[in-house]
Structure formats: C-alpha cells, structure tokens
Amino acid sequence: ASGTINNIKAMNWYRQAPEEQRELVATITSSGDTNYASSVKGRF
C-alpha cells in the first residue's frame, strides 16, 4: 500500500475465478482478528 489510508476497518483478500463472482477469502481487522472462507481455512 502506498499513500495514507485512514479509517481502516479491515483488510481483505478476495478472489475471483473465471466466470464466477468475487468472493471474500480472508479478513484481518484493524485489531488483528482474522477470518477465513471455509474453503481455505487451515490452508491460508
């Protein structure tokens, strides 16, 4: 990331497979809590 980013609630990774909708893969909140899609939990 470059530039100043304020008011961050969470940072996320999304992914989009061909011809599919974008899906949330992983989240980390400003406090450090994480969450994962069930399909990647334990691997990512």
ModelCIF file with pLDDT and N, C-alpha, C, O atoms, coordinates in Angstrom:
data_MODEL
#
_entry.id   MODEL 
#
_entity.id                         1 
_entity.type                       polymer 
_entity.pdbx_number_of_molecules   1 
#
_entity_poly.entity_id                      1 
_entity_poly.type                           'polypeptide(L)' 
_entity_poly.nstd_linkage                   no 
_entity_poly.nstd_monomer                   no 
_entity_poly.pdbx_seq_one_letter_code       ASGTINNIKAMNWYRQAPEEQRELVATITSSGDTNYASSVKGRF 
_entity_poly.pdbx_seq_one_letter_code_can   ASGTINNIKAMNWYRQAPEEQRELVATITSSGDTNYASSVKGRF 
_entity_poly.pdbx_strand_id                 A 
#
loop_
_entity_poly_seq.entity_id 
_entity_poly_seq.num 
_entity_poly_seq.mon_id 
_entity_poly_seq.hetero 
1 1  ALA n 
1 2  SER n 
1 3  GLY n 
1 4  THR n 
1 5  ILE n 
1 6  ASN n 
1 7  ASN n 
1 8  ILE n 
1 9  LYS n 
1 10 ALA n 
1 11 MET n 
1 12 ASN n 
1 13 TRP n 
1 14 TYR n 
1 15 ARG n 
1 16 GLN n 
1 17 ALA n 
1 18 PRO n 
1 19 GLU n 
1 20 GLU n 
1 21 GLN n 
1 22 ARG n 
1 23 GLU n 
1 24 LEU n 
1 25 VAL n 
1 26 ALA n 
1 27 THR n 
1 28 ILE n 
1 29 THR n 
1 30 SER n 
1 31 SER n 
1 32 GLY n 
1 33 ASP n 
1 34 THR n 
1 35 ASN n 
1 36 TYR n 
1 37 ALA n 
1 38 SER n 
1 39 SER n 
1 40 VAL n 
1 41 LYS n 
1 42 GLY n 
1 43 ARG n 
1 44 PHE n 
#
_struct_asym.id          A 
_struct_asym.entity_id   1 
#
loop_
_ma_qa_metric.id 
_ma_qa_metric.mode 
_ma_qa_metric.name 
_ma_qa_metric.software_group_id 
_ma_qa_metric.type 
1 global pLDDT . pLDDT 
2 local  pLDDT . pLDDT 
#
_ma_qa_metric_global.metric_id      1 
_ma_qa_metric_global.metric_value   95.93 
_ma_qa_metric_global.model_id       1 
_ma_qa_metric_global.ordinal_id     1 
#
loop_
_ma_qa_metric_local.label_asym_id 
_ma_qa_metric_local.label_comp_id 
_ma_qa_metric_local.label_seq_id 
_ma_qa_metric_local.metric_id 
_ma_qa_metric_local.metric_value 
_ma_qa_metric_local.model_id 
_ma_qa_metric_local.ordinal_id 
A ALA 1  2 94.00 1 1  
A SER 2  2 94.00 1 2  
A GLY 3  2 91.00 1 3  
A THR 4  2 89.00 1 4  
A ILE 5  2 90.00 1 5  
A ASN 6  2 90.00 1 6  
A ASN 7  2 92.00 1 7  
A ILE 8  2 93.00 1 8  
A LYS 9  2 95.00 1 9  
A ALA 10 2 96.00 1 10 
A MET 11 2 97.00 1 11 
A ASN 12 2 98.00 1 12 
A TRP 13 2 98.00 1 13 
A TYR 14 2 98.00 1 14 
A ARG 15 2 98.00 1 15 
A GLN 16 2 98.00 1 16 
A ALA 17 2 97.00 1 17 
A PRO 18 2 91.00 1 18 
A GLU 19 2 93.00 1 19 
A GLU 20 2 96.00 1 20 
A GLN 21 2 97.00 1 21 
A ARG 22 2 97.00 1 22 
A GLU 23 2 98.00 1 23 
A LEU 24 2 98.00 1 24 
A VAL 25 2 98.00 1 25 
A ALA 26 2 98.00 1 26 
A THR 27 2 98.00 1 27 
A ILE 28 2 97.00 1 28 
A THR 29 2 96.00 1 29 
A SER 30 2 92.00 1 30 
A SER 31 2 94.00 1 31 
A GLY 32 2 95.00 1 32 
A ASP 33 2 97.00 1 33 
A THR 34 2 98.00 1 34 
A ASN 35 2 98.00 1 35 
A TYR 36 2 98.00 1 36 
A ALA 37 2 98.00 1 37 
A SER 38 2 98.00 1 38 
A SER 39 2 98.00 1 39 
A VAL 40 2 98.00 1 40 
A LYS 41 2 98.00 1 41 
A GLY 42 2 98.00 1 42 
A ARG 43 2 98.00 1 43 
A PHE 44 2 98.00 1 44 
#
loop_
_atom_site.group_PDB 
_atom_site.id 
_atom_site.type_symbol 
_atom_site.label_atom_id 
_atom_site.label_alt_id 
_atom_site.label_comp_id 
_atom_site.label_asym_id 
_atom_site.label_entity_id 
_atom_site.label_seq_id 
_atom_site.pdbx_PDB_ins_code 
_atom_site.Cartn_x 
_atom_site.Cartn_y 
_atom_site.Cartn_z 
_atom_site.occupancy 
_atom_site.B_iso_or_equiv 
_atom_site.pdbx_formal_charge 
_atom_site.auth_seq_id 
_atom_site.auth_comp_id 
_atom_site.auth_asym_id 
_atom_site.auth_atom_id 
_atom_site.pdbx_PDB_model_num 
ATOM 1   N N  . ALA A 1 1  ? 0.834   -1.192  0.000   1.00 94.00 ? 1  ALA A N  1 
ATOM 2   C CA . ALA A 1 1  ? 0.000   0.000   0.000   1.00 94.00 ? 1  ALA A CA 1 
ATOM 3   C C  . ALA A 1 1  ? 0.869   1.243   0.000   1.00 94.00 ? 1  ALA A C  1 
ATOM 4   O O  . ALA A 1 1  ? 1.841   1.339   0.749   1.00 94.00 ? 1  ALA A O  1 
ATOM 5   N N  . SER A 1 2  ? 0.513   2.181   -0.838  1.00 94.00 ? 2  SER A N  1 
ATOM 6   C CA . SER A 1 2  ? 1.164   3.480   -0.840  1.00 94.00 ? 2  SER A CA 1 
ATOM 7   C C  . SER A 1 2  ? 0.118   4.554   -0.612  1.00 94.00 ? 2  SER A C  1 
ATOM 8   O O  . SER A 1 2  ? -1.058  4.371   -0.926  1.00 94.00 ? 2  SER A O  1 
ATOM 9   N N  . GLY A 1 3  ? 0.556   5.668   -0.066  1.00 91.00 ? 3  GLY A N  1 
ATOM 10  C CA . GLY A 1 3  ? -0.374  6.711   0.300   1.00 91.00 ? 3  GLY A CA 1 
ATOM 11  C C  . GLY A 1 3  ? -0.960  6.450   1.676   1.00 91.00 ? 3  GLY A C  1 
ATOM 12  O O  . GLY A 1 3  ? -0.894  5.337   2.197   1.00 91.00 ? 3  GLY A O  1 
ATOM 13  N N  . THR A 1 4  ? -1.518  7.463   2.237   1.00 89.00 ? 4  THR A N  1 
ATOM 14  C CA . THR A 1 4  ? -2.094  7.372   3.569   1.00 89.00 ? 4  THR A CA 1 
ATOM 15  C C  . THR A 1 4  ? -3.524  6.860   3.486   1.00 89.00 ? 4  THR A C  1 
ATOM 16  O O  . THR A 1 4  ? -4.364  7.425   2.786   1.00 89.00 ? 4  THR A O  1 
ATOM 17  N N  . ILE A 1 5  ? -3.780  5.791   4.207   1.00 90.00 ? 5  ILE A N  1 
ATOM 18  C CA . ILE A 1 5  ? -5.112  5.210   4.272   1.00 90.00 ? 5  ILE A CA 1 
ATOM 19  C C  . ILE A 1 5  ? -5.613  5.350   5.703   1.00 90.00 ? 5  ILE A C  1 
ATOM 20  O O  . ILE A 1 5  ? -5.033  4.786   6.631   1.00 90.00 ? 5  ILE A O  1 
ATOM 21  N N  . ASN A 1 6  ? -6.667  6.087   5.868   1.00 90.00 ? 6  ASN A N  1 
ATOM 22  C CA . ASN A 1 6  ? -7.233  6.270   7.200   1.00 90.00 ? 6  ASN A CA 1 
ATOM 23  C C  . ASN A 1 6  ? -8.527  5.493   7.354   1.00 90.00 ? 6  ASN A C  1 
ATOM 24  O O  . ASN A 1 6  ? -9.118  5.022   6.382   1.00 90.00 ? 6  ASN A O  1 
ATOM 25  N N  . ASN A 1 7  ? -8.944  5.374   8.595   1.00 92.00 ? 7  ASN A N  1 
ATOM 26  C CA . ASN A 1 7  ? -10.215 4.737   8.931   1.00 92.00 ? 7  ASN A CA 1 
ATOM 27  C C  . ASN A 1 7  ? -10.307 3.300   8.440   1.00 92.00 ? 7  ASN A C  1 
ATOM 28  O O  . ASN A 1 7  ? -11.355 2.866   7.960   1.00 92.00 ? 7  ASN A O  1 
ATOM 29  N N  . ILE A 1 8  ? -9.222  2.573   8.559   1.00 93.00 ? 8  ILE A N  1 
ATOM 30  C CA . ILE A 1 8  ? -9.222  1.180   8.136   1.00 93.00 ? 8  ILE A CA 1 
ATOM 31  C C  . ILE A 1 8  ? -10.012 0.349   9.137   1.00 93.00 ? 8  ILE A C  1 
ATOM 32  O O  . ILE A 1 8  ? -9.714  0.340   10.332  1.00 93.00 ? 8  ILE A O  1 
ATOM 33  N N  . LYS A 1 9  ? -11.012 -0.342  8.635   1.00 95.00 ? 9  LYS A N  1 
ATOM 34  C CA . LYS A 1 9  ? -11.770 -1.267  9.454   1.00 95.00 ? 9  LYS A CA 1 
ATOM 35  C C  . LYS A 1 9  ? -11.212 -2.677  9.341   1.00 95.00 ? 9  LYS A C  1 
ATOM 36  O O  . LYS A 1 9  ? -11.095 -3.394  10.335  1.00 95.00 ? 9  LYS A O  1 
ATOM 37  N N  . ALA A 1 10 ? -10.871 -3.065  8.122   1.00 96.00 ? 10 ALA A N  1 
ATOM 38  C CA . ALA A 1 10 ? -10.326 -4.386  7.881   1.00 96.00 ? 10 ALA A CA 1 
ATOM 39  C C  . ALA A 1 10 ? -9.587  -4.383  6.557   1.00 96.00 ? 10 ALA A C  1 
ATOM 40  O O  . ALA A 1 10 ? -9.838  -3.551  5.685   1.00 96.00 ? 10 ALA A O  1 
ATOM 41  N N  . MET A 1 11 ? -8.687  -5.314  6.425   1.00 97.00 ? 11 MET A N  1 
ATOM 42  C CA . MET A 1 11 ? -8.035  -5.564  5.154   1.00 97.00 ? 11 MET A CA 1 
ATOM 43  C C  . MET A 1 11 ? -8.374  -6.983  4.735   1.00 97.00 ? 11 MET A C  1 
ATOM 44  O O  . MET A 1 11 ? -8.439  -7.894  5.560   1.00 97.00 ? 11 MET A O  1 
ATOM 45  N N  . ASN A 1 12 ? -8.585  -7.149  3.461   1.00 98.00 ? 12 ASN A N  1 
ATOM 46  C CA . ASN A 1 12 ? -9.132  -8.401  2.971   1.00 98.00 ? 12 ASN A CA 1 
ATOM 47  C C  . ASN A 1 12 ? -8.415  -8.876  1.718   1.00 98.00 ? 12 ASN A C  1 
ATOM 48  O O  . ASN A 1 12 ? -7.827  -8.098  0.967   1.00 98.00 ? 12 ASN A O  1 
ATOM 49  N N  . TRP A 1 13 ? -8.488  -10.171 1.527   1.00 98.00 ? 13 TRP A N  1 
ATOM 50  C CA . TRP A 1 13 ? -8.175  -10.772 0.249   1.00 98.00 ? 13 TRP A CA 1 
ATOM 51  C C  . TRP A 1 13 ? -9.451  -11.346 -0.336  1.00 98.00 ? 13 TRP A C  1 
ATOM 52  O O  . TRP A 1 13 ? -10.157 -12.120 0.309   1.00 98.00 ? 13 TRP A O  1 
ATOM 53  N N  . TYR A 1 14 ? -9.727  -10.961 -1.542  1.00 98.00 ? 14 TYR A N  1 
ATOM 54  C CA . TYR A 1 14 ? -10.802 -11.533 -2.323  1.00 98.00 ? 14 TYR A CA 1 
ATOM 55  C C  . TYR A 1 14 ? -10.202 -12.319 -3.478  1.00 98.00 ? 14 TYR A C  1 
ATOM 56  O O  . TYR A 1 14 ? -9.028  -12.159 -3.813  1.00 98.00 ? 14 TYR A O  1 
ATOM 57  N N  . ARG A 1 15 ? -11.014 -13.158 -4.072  1.00 98.00 ? 15 ARG A N  1 
ATOM 58  C CA . ARG A 1 15 ? -10.586 -13.822 -5.288  1.00 98.00 ? 15 ARG A CA 1 
ATOM 59  C C  . ARG A 1 15 ? -11.770 -13.965 -6.227  1.00 98.00 ? 15 ARG A C  1 
ATOM 60  O O  . ARG A 1 15 ? -12.928 -13.996 -5.810  1.00 98.00 ? 15 ARG A O  1 
ATOM 61  N N  . GLN A 1 16 ? -11.445 -14.051 -7.485  1.00 98.00 ? 16 GLN A N  1 
ATOM 62  C CA . GLN A 1 16 ? -12.470 -14.218 -8.495  1.00 98.00 ? 16 GLN A CA 1 
ATOM 63  C C  . GLN A 1 16 ? -11.981 -15.228 -9.520  1.00 98.00 ? 16 GLN A C  1 
ATOM 64  O O  . GLN A 1 16 ? -11.026 -14.984 -10.259 1.00 98.00 ? 16 GLN A O  1 
ATOM 65  N N  . ALA A 1 17 ? -12.651 -16.352 -9.546  1.00 97.00 ? 17 ALA A N  1 
ATOM 66  C CA . ALA A 1 17 ? -12.360 -17.379 -10.529 1.00 97.00 ? 17 ALA A CA 1 
ATOM 67  C C  . ALA A 1 17 ? -13.041 -17.024 -11.840 1.00 97.00 ? 17 ALA A C  1 
ATOM 68  O O  . ALA A 1 17 ? -13.981 -16.229 -11.853 1.00 97.00 ? 17 ALA A O  1 
ATOM 69  N N  . PRO A 1 18 ? -12.582 -17.598 -12.935 1.00 91.00 ? 18 PRO A N  1 
ATOM 70  C CA . PRO A 1 18 ? -13.194 -17.274 -14.228 1.00 91.00 ? 18 PRO A CA 1 
ATOM 71  C C  . PRO A 1 18 ? -14.696 -17.516 -14.225 1.00 91.00 ? 18 PRO A C  1 
ATOM 72  O O  . PRO A 1 18 ? -15.169 -18.570 -13.800 1.00 91.00 ? 18 PRO A O  1 
ATOM 73  N N  . GLU A 1 19 ? -15.421 -16.545 -14.695 1.00 93.00 ? 19 GLU A N  1 
ATOM 74  C CA . GLU A 1 19 ? -16.875 -16.618 -14.846 1.00 93.00 ? 19 GLU A CA 1 
ATOM 75  C C  . GLU A 1 19 ? -17.618 -16.760 -13.525 1.00 93.00 ? 19 GLU A C  1 
ATOM 76  O O  . GLU A 1 19 ? -18.785 -17.154 -13.509 1.00 93.00 ? 19 GLU A O  1 
ATOM 77  N N  . GLU A 1 20 ? -16.964 -16.449 -12.433 1.00 96.00 ? 20 GLU A N  1 
ATOM 78  C CA . GLU A 1 20 ? -17.604 -16.526 -11.133 1.00 96.00 ? 20 GLU A CA 1 
ATOM 79  C C  . GLU A 1 20 ? -17.565 -15.172 -10.439 1.00 96.00 ? 20 GLU A C  1 
ATOM 80  O O  . GLU A 1 20 ? -16.810 -14.278 -10.822 1.00 96.00 ? 20 GLU A O  1 
ATOM 81  N N  . GLN A 1 21 ? -18.393 -15.041 -9.413  1.00 97.00 ? 21 GLN A N  1 
ATOM 82  C CA . GLN A 1 21 ? -18.422 -13.820 -8.637  1.00 97.00 ? 21 GLN A CA 1 
ATOM 83  C C  . GLN A 1 21 ? -17.209 -13.735 -7.722  1.00 97.00 ? 21 GLN A C  1 
ATOM 84  O O  . GLN A 1 21 ? -16.621 -14.745 -7.337  1.00 97.00 ? 21 GLN A O  1 
ATOM 85  N N  . ARG A 1 22 ? -16.863 -12.525 -7.395  1.00 97.00 ? 22 ARG A N  1 
ATOM 86  C CA . ARG A 1 22 ? -15.776 -12.312 -6.466  1.00 97.00 ? 22 ARG A CA 1 
ATOM 87  C C  . ARG A 1 22 ? -16.196 -12.755 -5.069  1.00 97.00 ? 22 ARG A C  1 
ATOM 88  O O  . ARG A 1 22 ? -17.301 -12.453 -4.617  1.00 97.00 ? 22 ARG A O  1 
ATOM 89  N N  . GLU A 1 23 ? -15.310 -13.467 -4.395  1.00 98.00 ? 23 GLU A N  1 
ATOM 90  C CA . GLU A 1 23 ? -15.614 -13.960 -3.065  1.00 98.00 ? 23 GLU A CA 1 
ATOM 91  C C  . GLU A 1 23 ? -14.551 -13.530 -2.071  1.00 98.00 ? 23 GLU A C  1 
ATOM 92  O O  . GLU A 1 23 ? -13.379 -13.373 -2.413  1.00 98.00 ? 23 GLU A O  1 
ATOM 93  N N  . LEU A 1 24 ? -14.982 -13.347 -0.846  1.00 98.00 ? 24 LEU A N  1 
ATOM 94  C CA . LEU A 1 24 ? -14.074 -12.994 0.235   1.00 98.00 ? 24 LEU A CA 1 
ATOM 95  C C  . LEU A 1 24 ? -13.335 -14.237 0.697   1.00 98.00 ? 24 LEU A C  1 
ATOM 96  O O  . LEU A 1 24 ? -13.951 -15.253 1.018   1.00 98.00 ? 24 LEU A O  1 
ATOM 97  N N  . VAL A 1 25 ? -12.021 -14.152 0.729   1.00 98.00 ? 25 VAL A N  1 
ATOM 98  C CA . VAL A 1 25 ? -11.184 -15.279 1.109   1.00 98.00 ? 25 VAL A CA 1 
ATOM 99  C C  . VAL A 1 25 ? -10.708 -15.165 2.543   1.00 98.00 ? 25 VAL A C  1 
ATOM 100 O O  . VAL A 1 25 ? -10.793 -16.128 3.305   1.00 98.00 ? 25 VAL A O  1 
ATOM 101 N N  . ALA A 1 26 ? -10.211 -14.005 2.915   1.00 98.00 ? 26 ALA A N  1 
ATOM 102 C CA . ALA A 1 26 ? -9.626  -13.829 4.239   1.00 98.00 ? 26 ALA A CA 1 
ATOM 103 C C  . ALA A 1 26 ? -9.731  -12.385 4.660   1.00 98.00 ? 26 ALA A C  1 
ATOM 104 O O  . ALA A 1 26 ? -9.694  -11.477 3.829   1.00 98.00 ? 26 ALA A O  1 
ATOM 105 N N  . THR A 1 27 ? -9.860  -12.178 5.950   1.00 98.00 ? 27 THR A N  1 
ATOM 106 C CA . THR A 1 27 ? -10.016 -10.857 6.531   1.00 98.00 ? 27 THR A CA 1 
ATOM 107 C C  . THR A 1 27 ? -9.110  -10.714 7.739   1.00 98.00 ? 27 THR A C  1 
ATOM 108 O O  . THR A 1 27 ? -8.947  -11.650 8.522   1.00 98.00 ? 27 THR A O  1 
ATOM 109 N N  . ILE A 1 28 ? -8.533  -9.556  7.884   1.00 97.00 ? 28 ILE A N  1 
ATOM 110 C CA . ILE A 1 28 ? -7.865  -9.195  9.127   1.00 97.00 ? 28 ILE A CA 1 
ATOM 111 C C  . ILE A 1 28 ? -8.346  -7.810  9.521   1.00 97.00 ? 28 ILE A C  1 
ATOM 112 O O  . ILE A 1 28 ? -8.246  -6.862  8.742   1.00 97.00 ? 28 ILE A O  1 
ATOM 113 N N  . THR A 1 29 ? -8.865  -7.697  10.728  1.00 96.00 ? 29 THR A N  1 
ATOM 114 C CA . THR A 1 29 ? -9.402  -6.428  11.187  1.00 96.00 ? 29 THR A CA 1 
ATOM 115 C C  . THR A 1 29 ? -8.289  -5.530  11.696  1.00 96.00 ? 29 THR A C  1 
ATOM 116 O O  . THR A 1 29 ? -7.136  -5.942  11.822  1.00 96.00 ? 29 THR A O  1 
ATOM 117 N N  . SER A 1 30 ? -8.660  -4.306  11.979  1.00 92.00 ? 30 SER A N  1 
ATOM 118 C CA . SER A 1 30 ? -7.682  -3.355  12.493  1.00 92.00 ? 30 SER A CA 1 
ATOM 119 C C  . SER A 1 30 ? -7.114  -3.785  13.832  1.00 92.00 ? 30 SER A C  1 
ATOM 120 O O  . SER A 1 30 ? -6.014  -3.375  14.201  1.00 92.00 ? 30 SER A O  1 
ATOM 121 N N  . SER A 1 31 ? -7.851  -4.605  14.561  1.00 94.00 ? 31 SER A N  1 
ATOM 122 C CA . SER A 1 31 ? -7.385  -5.103  15.846  1.00 94.00 ? 31 SER A CA 1 
ATOM 123 C C  . SER A 1 31 ? -6.623  -6.421  15.733  1.00 94.00 ? 31 SER A C  1 
ATOM 124 O O  . SER A 1 31 ? -6.111  -6.932  16.729  1.00 94.00 ? 31 SER A O  1 
ATOM 125 N N  . GLY A 1 32 ? -6.548  -6.966  14.527  1.00 95.00 ? 32 GLY A N  1 
ATOM 126 C CA . GLY A 1 32 ? -5.774  -8.165  14.308  1.00 95.00 ? 32 GLY A CA 1 
ATOM 127 C C  . GLY A 1 32 ? -6.561  -9.457  14.248  1.00 95.00 ? 32 GLY A C  1 
ATOM 128 O O  . GLY A 1 32 ? -5.976  -10.523 14.054  1.00 95.00 ? 32 GLY A O  1 
ATOM 129 N N  . ASP A 1 33 ? -7.852  -9.392  14.408  1.00 97.00 ? 33 ASP A N  1 
ATOM 130 C CA . ASP A 1 33 ? -8.672  -10.590 14.298  1.00 97.00 ? 33 ASP A CA 1 
ATOM 131 C C  . ASP A 1 33 ? -8.744  -11.046 12.851  1.00 97.00 ? 33 ASP A C  1 
ATOM 132 O O  . ASP A 1 33 ? -8.805  -10.226 11.935  1.00 97.00 ? 33 ASP A O  1 
ATOM 133 N N  . THR A 1 34 ? -8.736  -12.339 12.654  1.00 98.00 ? 34 THR A N  1 
ATOM 134 C CA . THR A 1 34 ? -8.757  -12.898 11.309  1.00 98.00 ? 34 THR A CA 1 
ATOM 135 C C  . THR A 1 34 ? -9.960  -13.791 11.108  1.00 98.00 ? 34 THR A C  1 
ATOM 136 O O  . THR A 1 34 ? -10.521 -14.337 12.058  1.00 98.00 ? 34 THR A O  1 
ATOM 137 N N  . ASN A 1 35 ? -10.340 -13.927 9.866   1.00 98.00 ? 35 ASN A N  1 
ATOM 138 C CA . ASN A 1 35 ? -11.426 -14.808 9.491   1.00 98.00 ? 35 ASN A CA 1 
ATOM 139 C C  . ASN A 1 35 ? -11.159 -15.302 8.080   1.00 98.00 ? 35 ASN A C  1 
ATOM 140 O O  . ASN A 1 35 ? -10.521 -14.619 7.279   1.00 98.00 ? 35 ASN A O  1 
ATOM 141 N N  . TYR A 1 36 ? -11.653 -16.492 7.786   1.00 98.00 ? 36 TYR A N  1 
ATOM 142 C CA . TYR A 1 36 ? -11.371 -17.130 6.515   1.00 98.00 ? 36 TYR A CA 1 
ATOM 143 C C  . TYR A 1 36 ? -12.607 -17.791 5.951   1.00 98.00 ? 36 TYR A C  1 
ATOM 144 O O  . TYR A 1 36 ? -13.489 -18.239 6.683   1.00 98.00 ? 36 TYR A O  1 
ATOM 145 N N  . ALA A 1 37 ? -12.648 -17.841 4.645   1.00 98.00 ? 37 ALA A N  1 
ATOM 146 C CA . ALA A 1 37 ? -13.654 -18.647 3.994   1.00 98.00 ? 37 ALA A CA 1 
ATOM 147 C C  . ALA A 1 37 ? -13.431 -20.110 4.356   1.00 98.00 ? 37 ALA A C  1 
ATOM 148 O O  . ALA A 1 37 ? -12.293 -20.552 4.511   1.00 98.00 ? 37 ALA A O  1 
ATOM 149 N N  . SER A 1 38 ? -14.506 -20.844 4.487   1.00 98.00 ? 38 SER A N  1 
ATOM 150 C CA . SER A 1 38 ? -14.384 -22.237 4.890   1.00 98.00 ? 38 SER A CA 1 
ATOM 151 C C  . SER A 1 38 ? -13.522 -23.042 3.925   1.00 98.00 ? 38 SER A C  1 
ATOM 152 O O  . SER A 1 38 ? -12.862 -24.000 4.329   1.00 98.00 ? 38 SER A O  1 
ATOM 153 N N  . SER A 1 39 ? -13.527 -22.662 2.672   1.00 98.00 ? 39 SER A N  1 
ATOM 154 C CA . SER A 1 39 ? -12.789 -23.410 1.666   1.00 98.00 ? 39 SER A CA 1 
ATOM 155 C C  . SER A 1 39 ? -11.276 -23.283 1.815   1.00 98.00 ? 39 SER A C  1 
ATOM 156 O O  . SER A 1 39 ? -10.530 -24.108 1.287   1.00 98.00 ? 39 SER A O  1 
ATOM 157 N N  . VAL A 1 40 ? -10.821 -22.265 2.524   1.00 98.00 ? 40 VAL A N  1 
ATOM 158 C CA . VAL A 1 40 ? -9.386  -22.050 2.666   1.00 98.00 ? 40 VAL A CA 1 
ATOM 159 C C  . VAL A 1 40 ? -8.917  -22.140 4.106   1.00 98.00 ? 40 VAL A C  1 
ATOM 160 O O  . VAL A 1 40 ? -7.715  -22.101 4.368   1.00 98.00 ? 40 VAL A O  1 
ATOM 161 N N  . LYS A 1 41 ? -9.830  -22.256 5.027   1.00 98.00 ? 41 LYS A N  1 
ATOM 162 C CA . LYS A 1 41 ? -9.481  -22.295 6.439   1.00 98.00 ? 41 LYS A CA 1 
ATOM 163 C C  . LYS A 1 41 ? -8.535  -23.458 6.716   1.00 98.00 ? 41 LYS A C  1 
ATOM 164 O O  . LYS A 1 41 ? -8.771  -24.586 6.283   1.00 98.00 ? 41 LYS A O  1 
ATOM 165 N N  . GLY A 1 42 ? -7.475  -23.167 7.434   1.00 98.00 ? 42 GLY A N  1 
ATOM 166 C CA . GLY A 1 42 ? -6.462  -24.162 7.725   1.00 98.00 ? 42 GLY A CA 1 
ATOM 167 C C  . GLY A 1 42 ? -5.356  -24.229 6.704   1.00 98.00 ? 42 GLY A C  1 
ATOM 168 O O  . GLY A 1 42 ? -4.314  -24.832 6.960   1.00 98.00 ? 42 GLY A O  1 
ATOM 169 N N  . ARG A 1 43 ? -5.559  -23.622 5.548   1.00 98.00 ? 43 ARG A N  1 
ATOM 170 C CA . ARG A 1 43 ? -4.552  -23.630 4.498   1.00 98.00 ? 43 ARG A CA 1 
ATOM 171 C C  . ARG A 1 43 ? -3.968  -22.246 4.231   1.00 98.00 ? 43 ARG A C  1 
ATOM 172 O O  . ARG A 1 43 ? -2.795  -22.118 3.880   1.00 98.00 ? 43 ARG A O  1 
ATOM 173 N N  . PHE A 1 44 ? -4.782  -21.223 4.396   1.00 98.00 ? 44 PHE A N  1 
ATOM 174 C CA . PHE A 1 44 ? -4.356  -19.853 4.127   1.00 98.00 ? 44 PHE A CA 1 
ATOM 175 C C  . PHE A 1 44 ? -4.192  -19.088 5.434   1.00 98.00 ? 44 PHE A C  1 
ATOM 176 O O  . PHE A 1 44 ? -3.837  -17.909 5.418   1.00 98.00 ? 44 PHE A O  1 
#
